[in-house]
Amino acid sequence: MKITEKEVRYVAGLANLQLDDSEIARMQSDLESILEHFDKLNEIDTAGVAPMAQVLFEADETATLRADVPAPPLGNEAAMANAAQKGSGYFKVPKVIER
């Protein structure tokens, strides 16, 4: 699969990265290598391989997962109790992304 420069620039834009031409060329090469590796992995016959599951799921005494028990929601007042800034029931945070 061939990755175009336009696609690399598009992905860089999604990641909010500003790359120069040499970085674009390097990323294009790196992304092509990654996709080639995935193509090789897709050629492997996995028909007889069982899907993976949590390793300790069946081991009751050593299980690392807690029981999934419903609990009442925290509530807006408790959630906002330690907020540095709040307004209209929401957290106020500084703007971090500018375009």
N, C-alpha and C. Protein backbone atom coordinates (compact mmCIF):
# COMPACT_ATOMS: atom_id res chain seq x y z
N MET A 1 0.85 -1.18 0.00
CA MET A 1 0.00 0.00 0.00
C MET A 1 0.89 1.24 0.00
N LYS A 2 0.60 2.13 -0.87
CA LYS A 2 1.40 3.34 -1.01
C LYS A 2 0.70 4.49 -0.29
N ILE A 3 1.42 5.13 0.62
CA ILE A 3 0.92 6.29 1.34
C ILE A 3 1.37 7.54 0.59
N THR A 4 0.44 8.42 0.32
CA THR A 4 0.79 9.65 -0.40
C THR A 4 1.19 10.75 0.58
N GLU A 5 1.88 11.74 0.04
CA GLU A 5 2.27 12.89 0.85
C GLU A 5 1.03 13.61 1.38
N LYS A 6 -0.01 13.66 0.57
CA LYS A 6 -1.26 14.31 0.97
C LYS A 6 -1.86 13.61 2.20
N GLU A 7 -1.81 12.27 2.21
CA GLU A 7 -2.35 11.51 3.34
C GLU A 7 -1.53 11.75 4.61
N VAL A 8 -0.22 11.83 4.45
CA VAL A 8 0.65 12.09 5.60
C VAL A 8 0.35 13.48 6.17
N ARG A 9 0.20 14.45 5.30
CA ARG A 9 -0.13 15.81 5.76
C ARG A 9 -1.50 15.84 6.44
N TYR A 10 -2.45 15.07 5.92
CA TYR A 10 -3.79 15.00 6.52
C TYR A 10 -3.71 14.43 7.94
N VAL A 11 -3.00 13.31 8.10
CA VAL A 11 -2.86 12.68 9.42
C VAL A 11 -2.11 13.61 10.37
N ALA A 12 -1.08 14.28 9.88
CA ALA A 12 -0.33 15.23 10.70
C ALA A 12 -1.25 16.36 11.16
N GLY A 13 -2.14 16.81 10.28
CA GLY A 13 -3.10 17.85 10.64
C GLY A 13 -4.06 17.37 11.72
N LEU A 14 -4.52 16.12 11.61
CA LEU A 14 -5.40 15.56 12.63
C LEU A 14 -4.72 15.51 14.00
N ALA A 15 -3.41 15.25 13.98
CA ALA A 15 -2.63 15.17 15.21
C ALA A 15 -2.10 16.53 15.64
N ASN A 16 -2.49 17.57 14.90
CA ASN A 16 -2.06 18.93 15.19
C ASN A 16 -0.53 19.05 15.19
N LEU A 17 0.10 18.38 14.21
CA LEU A 17 1.55 18.42 14.06
C LEU A 17 1.92 19.28 12.87
N GLN A 18 2.95 20.06 13.02
CA GLN A 18 3.46 20.85 11.91
C GLN A 18 4.80 20.26 11.52
N LEU A 19 4.81 19.55 10.39
CA LEU A 19 6.01 18.86 9.94
C LEU A 19 6.60 19.56 8.73
N ASP A 20 7.95 19.60 8.67
CA ASP A 20 8.58 20.15 7.47
C ASP A 20 8.69 19.04 6.41
N ASP A 21 9.18 19.38 5.24
CA ASP A 21 9.20 18.43 4.13
C ASP A 21 10.02 17.18 4.42
N SER A 22 11.15 17.33 5.13
CA SER A 22 11.97 16.15 5.44
C SER A 22 11.24 15.23 6.43
N GLU A 23 10.53 15.82 7.37
CA GLU A 23 9.76 15.01 8.32
C GLU A 23 8.59 14.32 7.63
N ILE A 24 7.97 15.00 6.69
CA ILE A 24 6.88 14.39 5.92
C ILE A 24 7.39 13.16 5.18
N ALA A 25 8.55 13.28 4.54
CA ALA A 25 9.13 12.15 3.80
C ALA A 25 9.45 10.99 4.74
N ARG A 26 10.01 11.30 5.91
CA ARG A 26 10.34 10.24 6.87
C ARG A 26 9.07 9.57 7.39
N MET A 27 8.05 10.35 7.70
CA MET A 27 6.79 9.79 8.19
C MET A 27 6.11 8.94 7.12
N GLN A 28 6.22 9.38 5.88
CA GLN A 28 5.64 8.63 4.77
C GLN A 28 6.29 7.25 4.69
N SER A 29 7.60 7.23 4.81
CA SER A 29 8.33 5.95 4.78
C SER A 29 7.97 5.08 5.98
N ASP A 30 7.92 5.70 7.16
CA ASP A 30 7.59 4.95 8.38
C ASP A 30 6.17 4.36 8.32
N LEU A 31 5.22 5.17 7.85
CA LEU A 31 3.83 4.69 7.77
C LEU A 31 3.71 3.56 6.75
N GLU A 32 4.43 3.67 5.64
CA GLU A 32 4.41 2.59 4.65
C GLU A 32 4.96 1.30 5.25
N SER A 33 6.04 1.40 6.02
CA SER A 33 6.62 0.21 6.66
C SER A 33 5.64 -0.43 7.63
N ILE A 34 4.95 0.40 8.39
CA ILE A 34 3.97 -0.12 9.35
C ILE A 34 2.84 -0.84 8.63
N LEU A 35 2.32 -0.23 7.57
CA LEU A 35 1.23 -0.86 6.83
C LEU A 35 1.67 -2.13 6.11
N GLU A 36 2.92 -2.18 5.64
CA GLU A 36 3.45 -3.40 5.04
C GLU A 36 3.51 -4.52 6.07
N HIS A 37 3.89 -4.16 7.30
CA HIS A 37 3.93 -5.15 8.37
C HIS A 37 2.52 -5.70 8.65
N PHE A 38 1.53 -4.81 8.66
CA PHE A 38 0.15 -5.27 8.86
C PHE A 38 -0.30 -6.18 7.73
N ASP A 39 0.11 -5.88 6.51
CA ASP A 39 -0.22 -6.75 5.38
C ASP A 39 0.37 -8.15 5.59
N LYS A 40 1.59 -8.23 6.08
CA LYS A 40 2.21 -9.53 6.36
C LYS A 40 1.44 -10.26 7.45
N LEU A 41 1.03 -9.53 8.50
CA LEU A 41 0.26 -10.16 9.58
C LEU A 41 -1.09 -10.67 9.08
N ASN A 42 -1.71 -9.95 8.14
CA ASN A 42 -2.99 -10.37 7.60
C ASN A 42 -2.89 -11.65 6.78
N GLU A 43 -1.70 -12.01 6.33
CA GLU A 43 -1.50 -13.24 5.56
C GLU A 43 -1.47 -14.48 6.45
N ILE A 44 -1.31 -14.30 7.73
CA ILE A 44 -1.20 -15.44 8.66
C ILE A 44 -2.57 -16.09 8.83
N ASP A 45 -2.59 -17.42 8.76
CA ASP A 45 -3.83 -18.17 8.94
C ASP A 45 -4.13 -18.30 10.44
N THR A 46 -5.19 -17.66 10.87
CA THR A 46 -5.58 -17.69 12.30
C THR A 46 -6.88 -18.45 12.50
N ALA A 47 -7.26 -19.29 11.54
CA ALA A 47 -8.54 -20.00 11.61
C ALA A 47 -8.64 -20.89 12.85
N GLY A 48 -7.55 -21.53 13.26
CA GLY A 48 -7.62 -22.44 14.39
C GLY A 48 -7.23 -21.82 15.72
N VAL A 49 -7.04 -20.52 15.75
CA VAL A 49 -6.59 -19.85 16.97
C VAL A 49 -7.80 -19.29 17.70
N ALA A 50 -7.92 -19.66 18.98
CA ALA A 50 -9.05 -19.16 19.79
C ALA A 50 -8.85 -17.69 20.11
N PRO A 51 -9.93 -16.93 20.18
CA PRO A 51 -9.80 -15.52 20.56
C PRO A 51 -9.19 -15.38 21.94
N MET A 52 -8.45 -14.29 22.14
CA MET A 52 -7.83 -14.06 23.45
C MET A 52 -8.88 -13.63 24.46
N ALA A 53 -8.60 -13.93 25.71
CA ALA A 53 -9.47 -13.53 26.81
C ALA A 53 -8.59 -13.01 27.94
N GLN A 54 -9.19 -12.42 28.94
CA GLN A 54 -8.46 -11.95 30.10
C GLN A 54 -7.72 -13.14 30.72
N VAL A 55 -6.45 -13.01 30.97
CA VAL A 55 -5.63 -14.11 31.45
C VAL A 55 -6.12 -14.67 32.78
N LEU A 56 -6.47 -13.81 33.70
CA LEU A 56 -6.87 -14.27 35.04
C LEU A 56 -8.38 -14.30 35.21
N PHE A 57 -9.15 -14.26 34.15
CA PHE A 57 -10.60 -14.16 34.26
C PHE A 57 -11.20 -15.35 35.00
N GLU A 58 -10.74 -16.56 34.72
CA GLU A 58 -11.31 -17.75 35.34
C GLU A 58 -10.75 -18.05 36.73
N ALA A 59 -9.64 -17.42 37.12
CA ALA A 59 -8.98 -17.73 38.40
C ALA A 59 -9.61 -16.88 39.50
N ASP A 60 -10.60 -17.45 40.20
CA ASP A 60 -11.35 -16.70 41.20
C ASP A 60 -10.48 -16.11 42.30
N GLU A 61 -9.60 -16.92 42.90
CA GLU A 61 -8.81 -16.43 44.03
C GLU A 61 -7.73 -15.43 43.63
N THR A 62 -7.34 -15.43 42.37
CA THR A 62 -6.30 -14.50 41.95
C THR A 62 -6.81 -13.46 40.95
N ALA A 63 -8.11 -13.36 40.82
CA ALA A 63 -8.68 -12.44 39.84
C ALA A 63 -8.27 -11.00 40.15
N THR A 64 -7.92 -10.29 39.10
CA THR A 64 -7.50 -8.90 39.27
C THR A 64 -8.62 -7.92 38.93
N LEU A 65 -9.74 -8.44 38.48
CA LEU A 65 -10.85 -7.58 38.11
C LEU A 65 -11.87 -7.51 39.24
N ARG A 66 -12.36 -6.33 39.51
CA ARG A 66 -13.40 -6.20 40.53
C ARG A 66 -14.74 -6.56 39.92
N ALA A 67 -15.68 -6.87 40.77
CA ALA A 67 -17.02 -7.20 40.29
C ALA A 67 -17.66 -5.94 39.69
N ASP A 68 -18.42 -6.13 38.65
CA ASP A 68 -19.09 -5.02 37.98
C ASP A 68 -20.45 -4.81 38.65
N VAL A 69 -20.44 -4.02 39.73
CA VAL A 69 -21.65 -3.78 40.51
C VAL A 69 -22.11 -2.35 40.28
N PRO A 70 -23.37 -2.15 39.91
CA PRO A 70 -23.85 -0.78 39.71
C PRO A 70 -23.78 0.02 41.01
N ALA A 71 -23.45 1.29 40.88
CA ALA A 71 -23.38 2.20 42.02
C ALA A 71 -24.10 3.48 41.65
N PRO A 72 -24.62 4.20 42.64
CA PRO A 72 -25.30 5.45 42.31
C PRO A 72 -24.30 6.46 41.73
N PRO A 73 -24.77 7.33 40.84
CA PRO A 73 -23.86 8.31 40.26
C PRO A 73 -23.34 9.29 41.30
N LEU A 74 -22.18 9.88 41.00
CA LEU A 74 -21.53 10.80 41.92
C LEU A 74 -22.37 12.05 42.17
N GLY A 75 -22.97 12.56 41.15
CA GLY A 75 -23.77 13.77 41.29
C GLY A 75 -22.95 15.00 40.96
N ASN A 76 -23.61 16.01 40.41
CA ASN A 76 -22.93 17.20 39.93
C ASN A 76 -22.27 17.98 41.06
N GLU A 77 -22.94 18.13 42.17
CA GLU A 77 -22.39 18.92 43.28
C GLU A 77 -21.11 18.28 43.83
N ALA A 78 -21.10 17.00 44.03
CA ALA A 78 -19.91 16.31 44.54
C ALA A 78 -18.78 16.34 43.51
N ALA A 79 -19.12 16.20 42.23
CA ALA A 79 -18.11 16.21 41.18
C ALA A 79 -17.44 17.58 41.08
N MET A 80 -18.21 18.64 41.29
CA MET A 80 -17.69 19.99 41.15
C MET A 80 -17.07 20.55 42.44
N ALA A 81 -17.13 19.80 43.52
CA ALA A 81 -16.70 20.29 44.84
C ALA A 81 -15.26 20.81 44.84
N ASN A 82 -14.35 20.16 44.16
CA ASN A 82 -12.95 20.56 44.18
C ASN A 82 -12.47 21.19 42.87
N ALA A 83 -13.39 21.61 42.04
CA ALA A 83 -13.02 22.20 40.75
C ALA A 83 -12.34 23.55 40.96
N ALA A 84 -11.26 23.78 40.23
CA ALA A 84 -10.56 25.07 40.33
C ALA A 84 -11.46 26.20 39.84
N GLN A 85 -12.13 25.98 38.72
CA GLN A 85 -13.10 26.94 38.20
C GLN A 85 -14.31 26.17 37.72
N LYS A 86 -15.47 26.71 37.97
CA LYS A 86 -16.68 26.06 37.51
C LYS A 86 -17.68 27.12 37.10
N GLY A 87 -18.60 26.73 36.27
CA GLY A 87 -19.63 27.64 35.83
C GLY A 87 -20.75 26.88 35.15
N SER A 88 -21.97 27.18 35.51
CA SER A 88 -23.17 26.55 34.94
C SER A 88 -23.13 25.03 35.05
N GLY A 89 -22.53 24.51 36.11
CA GLY A 89 -22.49 23.08 36.33
C GLY A 89 -21.42 22.34 35.55
N TYR A 90 -20.47 23.07 34.97
CA TYR A 90 -19.40 22.45 34.18
C TYR A 90 -18.03 22.91 34.69
N PHE A 91 -17.01 22.09 34.40
CA PHE A 91 -15.63 22.49 34.68
C PHE A 91 -15.22 23.54 33.66
N LYS A 92 -14.54 24.59 34.10
CA LYS A 92 -13.97 25.57 33.19
C LYS A 92 -12.47 25.30 33.10
N VAL A 93 -11.98 25.17 31.88
CA VAL A 93 -10.56 24.90 31.67
C VAL A 93 -10.03 25.89 30.63
N PRO A 94 -8.73 26.18 30.67
CA PRO A 94 -8.17 27.10 29.68
C PRO A 94 -8.16 26.45 28.29
N LYS A 95 -8.26 27.26 27.27
CA LYS A 95 -8.19 26.79 25.91
C LYS A 95 -6.77 26.30 25.63
N VAL A 96 -6.65 25.08 25.09
CA VAL A 96 -5.32 24.52 24.85
C VAL A 96 -5.03 24.29 23.38
N ILE A 97 -6.04 24.28 22.55
CA ILE A 97 -5.85 24.05 21.12
C ILE A 97 -6.35 25.27 20.36
N GLU A 98 -5.46 25.82 19.57
CA GLU A 98 -5.84 26.95 18.75
C GLU A 98 -5.55 26.64 17.31
N ARG A 99 -6.50 26.93 16.44
CA ARG A 99 -6.32 26.70 15.00
C ARG A 99 -6.67 27.96 14.28
